Amino acid sequence: MPFVKRLSGAFSRADKSAFVVAAENVYNDRGAKGANVSSRYHSAEKGIARVLTVRPKVAELVFQLYGRALHPELFEVCSSTAVHRENYEVKIDITGTGHVVTWRHAGLTLTEVATSALHPLPERRRLMNYRLKGQRRDRVECRGGVSYEVDFELEPVNPELFWTLQEELTRDGEHQGLLQRFDSSGRIALGAVSYIHLEARSRTFQVRAFHTFPDDYAIVKSHSVFRIP
């Protein structure tokens, strides 16, 4: 799909291919492979959660990684799902400010957070802390050969492409993945959308997240890989 390919243009050539293929899988109605997934939503309407909340400003966003779990009361969870495999388990939350991914394996916990910089979070065992602007890639090596890799990007797009993407994410997210629609901020009639696609294999877990920001015609997208040797 042309808009999906344009959306992934800022990633490297190798990662771009994987990102586009995954996005096309989502839009072609193929779900996460081999995952045992259970979901919880605050609305029964086609698996879409609705809450009375709006996005933070794009300039306030941060992307963080912790080597520990974070207390769930730190976040306003809008929708949630869990993945259980033989070698690991994961909890994925869409929050009022972004998302939280908590991955556990053999006593090791990694927590990925996309949120507002104005949202106070602890500093203890924080392994990564970036302002969400432009594009960035990073990698963390953990004990036992476990690794975490991430690409994330804040991409401004023209209004026509922005609304095309948001319509596609909303329509396709009704059938699979984790989807959250937010209320309008008041300046623009339609609210933001968060969509998360998961791929669970025996030793790798991938998360592809899209968060839209209508007031700024911007999209935050991330691709994270948790890998067991």
Protein backbone atom coordinates (compact mmCIF):
# COMPACT_ATOMS: atom_id res chain seq x y z
CA MET A 1 0.00 0.00 0.00
CA PRO A 2 1.55 3.34 -1.04
CA PHE A 3 0.90 5.23 2.22
CA VAL A 4 2.38 2.39 4.29
CA LYS A 5 5.55 2.45 2.24
CA ARG A 6 5.80 6.23 2.50
CA LEU A 7 5.29 6.03 6.24
CA SER A 8 8.25 3.71 6.68
CA GLY A 9 10.57 5.71 4.43
CA ALA A 10 12.81 7.05 7.19
CA PHE A 11 13.91 3.59 8.38
CA SER A 12 17.04 1.94 7.02
CA ARG A 13 16.66 -0.17 3.90
CA ALA A 14 16.86 -3.51 5.79
CA ASP A 15 14.44 -2.42 8.50
CA LYS A 16 12.18 -0.70 6.00
CA SER A 17 11.50 -3.99 4.27
CA ALA A 18 10.57 -5.71 7.54
CA PHE A 19 8.44 -2.77 8.61
CA VAL A 20 6.53 -2.63 5.32
CA VAL A 21 5.96 -6.38 5.26
CA ALA A 22 4.62 -6.32 8.80
CA ALA A 23 2.31 -3.42 8.01
CA GLU A 24 1.04 -5.15 4.89
CA ASN A 25 0.38 -8.26 6.97
CA VAL A 26 -1.76 -6.17 9.30
CA TYR A 27 -3.76 -4.68 6.45
CA ASN A 28 -4.14 -8.09 4.81
CA ASP A 29 -5.75 -9.51 7.96
CA ARG A 30 -2.86 -11.62 9.21
CA GLY A 31 -2.24 -11.55 12.93
CA ALA A 32 0.65 -12.28 15.23
CA LYS A 33 2.19 -15.66 14.50
CA GLY A 34 2.02 -18.42 17.09
CA ALA A 35 0.88 -16.19 19.95
CA ASN A 36 -1.47 -17.08 22.73
CA VAL A 37 -3.07 -13.66 23.19
CA SER A 38 -5.72 -12.56 25.66
CA SER A 39 -7.16 -9.02 25.53
CA ARG A 40 -9.02 -6.67 27.83
CA TYR A 41 -10.90 -3.60 26.59
CA HIS A 42 -12.98 -0.89 28.19
CA SER A 43 -15.55 -1.09 25.36
CA ALA A 44 -17.23 -4.08 23.75
CA GLU A 45 -17.78 -2.30 20.43
CA LYS A 46 -15.64 -4.29 17.98
CA GLY A 47 -12.73 -4.48 20.41
CA ILE A 48 -12.16 -0.71 20.42
CA ALA A 49 -11.51 1.03 23.70
CA ARG A 50 -12.80 4.57 24.25
CA VAL A 51 -11.76 6.89 27.04
CA LEU A 52 -12.24 10.58 27.69
CA THR A 53 -8.64 11.61 27.20
CA VAL A 54 -6.52 13.38 24.58
CA ARG A 55 -2.93 13.23 23.41
CA PRO A 56 -0.04 15.15 24.99
CA LYS A 57 1.77 17.59 22.71
CA VAL A 58 4.31 16.10 20.31
CA ALA A 59 7.09 18.23 21.82
CA GLU A 60 6.51 16.57 25.22
CA LEU A 61 7.10 12.96 24.14
CA VAL A 62 9.84 10.65 25.46
CA PHE A 63 10.83 7.03 24.78
CA GLN A 64 12.30 5.06 27.69
CA LEU A 65 13.48 1.56 28.58
CA TYR A 66 13.73 0.15 32.11
CA GLY A 67 15.40 -3.00 33.43
CA ARG A 68 12.50 -3.51 35.83
CA ALA A 69 8.72 -3.50 35.98
CA LEU A 70 6.86 -0.24 36.61
CA HIS A 71 3.88 0.02 38.91
CA PRO A 72 0.65 -0.12 36.86
CA GLU A 73 -0.85 2.76 38.84
CA LEU A 74 1.69 5.07 37.20
CA PHE A 75 -0.31 4.87 33.96
CA GLU A 76 -3.82 5.43 32.72
CA VAL A 77 -4.34 2.18 30.81
CA CYS A 78 -6.86 2.47 27.98
CA SER A 79 -6.55 -1.02 26.48
CA SER A 80 -4.36 -4.02 27.21
CA THR A 81 -3.32 -7.44 25.89
CA ALA A 82 -0.98 -10.21 27.03
CA VAL A 83 1.18 -12.76 25.21
CA HIS A 84 2.38 -16.01 26.84
CA ARG A 85 5.03 -18.19 25.21
CA GLU A 86 7.20 -21.02 26.55
CA ASN A 87 10.25 -18.77 26.93
CA TYR A 88 8.72 -15.40 27.84
CA GLU A 89 5.57 -13.47 28.64
CA VAL A 90 4.58 -9.92 27.73
CA LYS A 91 1.96 -7.39 28.77
CA ILE A 92 1.17 -4.58 26.34
CA ASP A 93 -0.80 -1.47 27.34
CA ILE A 94 -1.98 1.50 25.33
CA THR A 95 -2.00 4.42 27.75
CA GLY A 96 -3.32 7.95 27.68
CA THR A 97 0.13 9.18 26.67
CA GLY A 98 1.49 6.32 24.50
CA HIS A 99 2.21 2.70 25.41
CA VAL A 100 3.93 0.38 27.89
CA VAL A 101 5.42 -3.01 27.00
CA THR A 102 6.53 -5.23 29.90
CA TRP A 103 8.56 -8.26 28.74
CA ARG A 104 9.68 -11.02 31.14
CA HIS A 105 12.08 -13.95 30.67
CA ALA A 106 13.87 -16.11 33.27
CA GLY A 107 13.76 -13.47 36.02
CA LEU A 108 14.68 -10.61 33.66
CA THR A 109 12.18 -7.80 33.07
CA LEU A 110 12.39 -5.09 30.39
CA THR A 111 9.81 -2.31 30.22
CA GLU A 112 9.44 -0.06 27.17
CA VAL A 113 7.57 3.21 27.69
CA ALA A 114 6.41 5.86 25.22
CA THR A 115 4.92 8.72 27.22
CA SER A 116 4.93 12.44 27.99
CA ALA A 117 8.04 13.97 29.56
CA LEU A 118 5.63 15.67 31.98
CA HIS A 119 4.58 12.23 33.24
CA PRO A 120 6.82 11.60 36.28
CA LEU A 121 8.46 8.17 36.22
CA PRO A 122 11.24 6.70 38.40
CA GLU A 123 14.89 6.91 37.37
CA ARG A 124 16.06 3.70 39.04
CA ARG A 125 17.26 1.11 36.51
CA ARG A 126 16.31 3.31 33.57
CA LEU A 127 18.40 2.05 30.65
CA MET A 128 17.26 4.40 27.90
CA ASN A 129 15.75 7.89 27.87
CA TYR A 130 15.23 9.86 24.65
CA ARG A 131 13.14 12.77 23.55
CA LEU A 132 10.83 11.51 20.81
CA LYS A 133 11.88 13.63 17.88
CA GLY A 134 13.35 12.77 14.50
CA GLN A 135 14.57 9.19 14.17
CA ARG A 136 16.72 7.12 16.50
CA ARG A 137 17.93 3.54 16.82
CA ASP A 138 19.41 1.88 19.89
CA ARG A 139 20.26 -1.54 21.30
CA VAL A 140 20.72 -2.91 24.82
CA GLU A 141 22.54 -6.15 25.67
CA CYS A 142 21.29 -7.88 28.82
CA ARG A 143 22.44 -10.81 30.91
CA GLY A 144 22.19 -14.28 29.41
CA GLY A 145 22.58 -12.96 25.87
CA VAL A 146 19.14 -11.34 25.80
CA SER A 147 18.98 -8.25 23.60
CA TYR A 148 16.57 -5.40 22.97
CA GLU A 149 16.57 -3.33 19.78
CA VAL A 150 14.40 -0.38 18.84
CA ASP A 151 13.84 2.05 15.98
CA PHE A 152 11.50 4.95 16.65
CA GLU A 153 10.59 8.05 14.71
CA LEU A 154 8.42 11.14 14.90
CA GLU A 155 7.35 11.90 11.33
CA PRO A 156 5.35 14.96 10.22
CA VAL A 157 3.12 14.17 7.22
CA ASN A 158 0.81 16.20 5.02
CA PRO A 159 -2.85 16.34 6.13
CA GLU A 160 -4.19 14.17 3.28
CA LEU A 161 -1.75 11.34 4.03
CA PHE A 162 -2.33 11.71 7.75
CA TRP A 163 -6.10 11.23 7.53
CA THR A 164 -5.75 8.38 5.02
CA LEU A 165 -3.49 6.53 7.45
CA GLN A 166 -5.72 7.21 10.42
CA GLU A 167 -8.80 5.87 8.59
CA GLU A 168 -6.93 2.70 7.59
CA LEU A 169 -5.58 2.12 11.10
CA THR A 170 -9.03 2.54 12.61
CA ARG A 171 -10.80 0.31 10.09
CA ASP A 172 -8.27 -2.52 10.14
CA GLY A 173 -7.63 -2.26 13.87
CA GLU A 174 -11.26 -3.14 14.54
CA HIS A 175 -10.50 -6.72 13.47
CA GLN A 176 -7.07 -7.38 14.99
CA GLY A 177 -4.22 -5.91 16.96
CA LEU A 178 -4.67 -3.41 19.78
CA LEU A 179 -6.50 -0.19 18.86
CA GLN A 180 -7.35 2.90 20.90
CA ARG A 181 -9.29 5.94 19.69
CA PHE A 182 -8.97 9.17 21.67
CA ASP A 183 -11.25 12.16 21.99
CA SER A 184 -10.64 15.32 20.00
CA SER A 185 -8.52 18.02 21.59
CA GLY A 186 -11.11 20.54 20.39
CA ARG A 187 -9.00 22.21 17.71
CA ILE A 188 -9.60 19.40 15.18
CA ALA A 189 -12.85 17.44 15.10
CA LEU A 190 -11.32 13.96 15.09
CA GLY A 191 -9.19 12.53 17.87
CA ALA A 192 -5.95 10.58 17.76
CA VAL A 193 -5.47 6.84 17.23
CA SER A 194 -3.00 4.33 18.71
CA TYR A 195 -2.46 0.99 16.99
CA ILE A 196 -0.10 -1.81 18.08
CA HIS A 197 0.75 -4.92 16.06
CA LEU A 198 2.50 -7.88 17.70
CA GLU A 199 4.54 -10.79 16.34
CA ALA A 200 5.42 -13.53 18.82
CA ARG A 201 7.88 -16.31 17.95
CA SER A 202 9.63 -18.79 20.19
CA ARG A 203 12.69 -16.59 20.81
CA THR A 204 11.76 -13.19 19.43
CA PHE A 205 8.95 -10.80 20.20
CA GLN A 206 8.31 -7.78 17.98
CA VAL A 207 6.13 -4.75 18.65
CA ARG A 208 5.19 -2.22 15.97
CA ALA A 209 3.34 0.78 17.33
CA PHE A 210 1.68 3.74 15.62
CA HIS A 211 0.48 6.81 17.53
CA THR A 212 -1.16 9.66 15.60
CA PHE A 213 -1.23 13.34 16.58
CA PRO A 214 -3.92 15.20 14.62
CA ASP A 215 -3.13 18.65 16.03
CA ASP A 216 0.40 18.40 14.61
CA TYR A 217 -0.27 16.10 11.60
CA ALA A 218 2.46 13.85 12.98
CA ILE A 219 2.87 10.12 13.54
CA VAL A 220 5.05 8.38 16.10
CA LYS A 221 6.04 4.88 15.03
CA SER A 222 8.32 2.38 16.70
CA HIS A 223 9.63 -1.10 15.98
CA SER A 224 11.00 -3.02 18.98
CA VAL A 225 12.52 -6.50 19.09
CA PHE A 226 13.08 -8.52 22.28
CA ARG A 227 15.39 -11.43 21.48
CA ILE A 228 16.45 -14.55 23.41
CA PRO A 229 19.68 -16.28 22.20
